Amino acid sequence: MKYIIFVSREIWPAFNSIYAYTKLKGEFPSKIVLMYTEGEIARTLEKKIKVLYREHGRYLNIQKIKIDNSIEKMNTVLKDIVEEGDILDITGARKSMLLALMDIKNVKIVYLMLRDMRFSKHPFMMRPLSLQEFSEVQR
């Protein structure tokens, strides 16, 4: 099982979502795939995720895949890497990234919703938990 994260312009949505997943589920996926458009953000996010895993004594394999905004190209990349049972985290996704998922099946889609954007640049545990909702949908 892979945990595939869509990363756009901000680090915190994607990081907070994987942090919420590990905290709330008590699971640490052994492979994380970062689907990104901007390299610097992906590198910074990778460092933060490695710290999270290291602090919990967990092993991690991170794969980074650069994508562009073409829905067709993203869909092709997704079809090549997504396997049944994978988790797709859409918290930090752009609309074009979401459209690329339209015909992807047999995966779990997760999303960390924040009800008050004043806390958007804060780490998961430094935001009121009552303002956050972690959702899962089996597809």
Protein backbone atom coordinates (compact mmCIF):
# COMPACT_ATOMS: atom_id res chain seq x y z
CA MET A 1 0.00 0.00 0.00
CA LYS A 2 1.30 3.43 -0.99
CA TYR A 3 0.26 6.76 0.45
CA ILE A 4 0.14 9.20 -2.47
CA ILE A 5 0.11 12.88 -1.59
CA PHE A 6 -0.74 15.68 -3.98
CA VAL A 7 1.44 18.70 -3.22
CA SER A 8 0.72 22.11 -4.68
CA ARG A 9 1.80 25.55 -3.52
CA GLU A 10 1.85 25.06 0.25
CA ILE A 11 3.62 22.57 2.50
CA TRP A 12 1.26 22.57 5.48
CA PRO A 13 -1.87 21.00 3.93
CA ALA A 14 0.02 17.92 2.76
CA PHE A 15 2.17 17.62 5.89
CA ASN A 16 -0.74 18.10 8.28
CA SER A 17 -2.75 15.49 6.47
CA ILE A 18 -0.07 12.78 6.67
CA TYR A 19 0.52 13.78 10.30
CA ALA A 20 -3.23 13.47 11.01
CA TYR A 21 -3.30 10.08 9.30
CA THR A 22 -0.43 8.74 11.41
CA LYS A 23 -1.80 10.26 14.62
CA LEU A 24 -5.45 9.28 14.19
CA LYS A 25 -4.93 5.88 12.54
CA GLY A 26 -1.73 4.91 14.30
CA GLU A 27 -0.43 3.73 10.91
CA PHE A 28 2.76 4.78 9.16
CA PRO A 29 2.69 3.85 5.47
CA SER A 30 6.12 2.51 4.49
CA LYS A 31 5.99 4.17 1.06
CA ILE A 32 4.91 7.74 0.37
CA VAL A 33 4.71 9.18 -3.12
CA LEU A 34 4.82 12.97 -3.47
CA MET A 35 3.09 14.17 -6.65
CA TYR A 36 4.34 17.73 -6.99
CA THR A 37 4.60 20.68 -9.33
CA GLU A 38 7.19 22.77 -7.48
CA GLY A 39 10.48 21.10 -6.51
CA GLU A 40 11.43 23.27 -3.53
CA ILE A 41 8.10 22.63 -1.80
CA ALA A 42 8.47 18.87 -2.41
CA ARG A 43 12.00 18.85 -0.95
CA THR A 44 10.88 20.77 2.16
CA LEU A 45 7.87 18.48 2.62
CA GLU A 46 10.09 15.41 2.25
CA LYS A 47 12.35 16.69 5.06
CA LYS A 48 9.38 17.30 7.37
CA ILE A 49 7.91 13.85 6.72
CA LYS A 50 11.30 12.22 7.39
CA VAL A 51 11.47 14.01 10.76
CA LEU A 52 7.95 12.80 11.63
CA TYR A 53 8.90 9.20 10.84
CA ARG A 54 12.29 9.40 12.56
CA GLU A 55 10.66 10.76 15.75
CA HIS A 56 8.41 7.69 15.78
CA GLY A 57 11.20 5.23 14.94
CA ARG A 58 9.63 4.32 11.61
CA TYR A 59 11.11 3.34 8.26
CA LEU A 60 10.14 5.40 5.22
CA ASN A 61 10.60 5.17 1.47
CA ILE A 62 9.71 8.44 -0.33
CA GLN A 63 9.31 8.69 -4.07
CA LYS A 64 8.85 12.08 -5.73
CA ILE A 65 7.13 12.45 -9.08
CA LYS A 66 7.08 15.82 -10.82
CA ILE A 67 3.86 16.49 -12.70
CA ASP A 68 2.55 19.37 -14.73
CA ASN A 69 -0.97 20.79 -14.84
CA SER A 70 -2.09 18.66 -17.78
CA ILE A 71 -4.98 16.53 -16.58
CA GLU A 72 -4.30 13.89 -19.23
CA LYS A 73 -0.61 13.56 -18.29
CA MET A 74 -1.42 13.39 -14.58
CA ASN A 75 -4.04 10.72 -15.24
CA THR A 76 -1.49 8.67 -17.19
CA VAL A 77 1.06 8.94 -14.38
CA LEU A 78 -1.57 7.96 -11.80
CA LYS A 79 -2.68 4.93 -13.81
CA ASP A 80 0.96 3.80 -13.94
CA ILE A 81 1.62 4.05 -10.20
CA VAL A 82 -1.72 3.54 -8.42
CA GLU A 83 -2.50 0.01 -7.28
CA GLU A 84 -5.54 -1.41 -5.59
CA GLY A 85 -5.62 -0.46 -1.91
CA ASP A 86 -3.44 2.64 -2.21
CA ILE A 87 -4.35 5.81 -0.33
CA LEU A 88 -4.68 9.08 -2.25
CA ASP A 89 -4.42 12.20 -0.11
CA ILE A 90 -6.13 15.13 -1.84
CA THR A 91 -5.75 17.70 0.95
CA GLY A 92 -3.17 19.81 -0.87
CA ALA A 93 -4.41 19.05 -4.38
CA ARG A 94 -5.23 21.55 -7.10
CA LYS A 95 -8.39 21.20 -9.16
CA SER A 96 -6.48 19.75 -12.10
CA MET A 97 -5.00 17.09 -9.80
CA LEU A 98 -8.49 16.15 -8.62
CA LEU A 99 -9.81 15.91 -12.17
CA ALA A 100 -7.01 13.47 -12.99
CA LEU A 101 -8.53 11.06 -10.42
CA MET A 102 -11.90 10.75 -12.16
CA ASP A 103 -11.47 7.16 -13.38
CA ILE A 104 -9.15 5.85 -10.64
CA LYS A 105 -10.85 3.01 -8.72
CA ASN A 106 -10.21 0.67 -5.77
CA VAL A 107 -8.37 3.23 -3.67
CA LYS A 108 -9.00 5.10 -0.46
CA ILE A 109 -9.19 8.89 -0.76
CA VAL A 110 -8.38 10.93 2.34
CA TYR A 111 -8.81 14.62 3.06
CA LEU A 112 -8.06 16.79 6.10
CA MET A 113 -10.62 19.60 6.23
CA LEU A 114 -9.90 22.76 8.19
CA ARG A 115 -12.97 24.79 9.16
CA ASP A 116 -11.08 27.99 10.01
CA MET A 117 -8.33 29.11 7.65
CA ARG A 118 -6.71 31.33 10.30
CA PHE A 119 -4.92 28.16 11.42
CA SER A 120 -3.86 27.00 7.93
CA LYS A 121 -0.13 27.60 8.47
CA HIS A 122 -0.03 25.82 11.84
CA PRO A 123 0.98 22.19 12.42
CA PHE A 124 -1.86 19.69 12.95
CA MET A 125 -1.49 19.43 16.73
CA MET A 126 -1.21 23.21 17.17
CA ARG A 127 -4.68 23.76 15.68
CA PRO A 128 -7.90 23.15 17.58
CA LEU A 129 -8.93 19.59 16.80
CA SER A 130 -12.58 20.68 16.84
CA LEU A 131 -11.86 22.74 13.70
CA GLN A 132 -10.41 19.79 11.78
CA GLU A 133 -12.03 16.76 10.24
CA PHE A 134 -10.15 13.86 8.67
CA SER A 135 -12.30 12.12 6.07
CA GLU A 136 -11.88 8.85 4.18
CA VAL A 137 -13.79 7.61 1.17
CA GLN A 138 -13.37 4.16 -0.36
CA ARG A 139 -13.56 4.33 -4.12
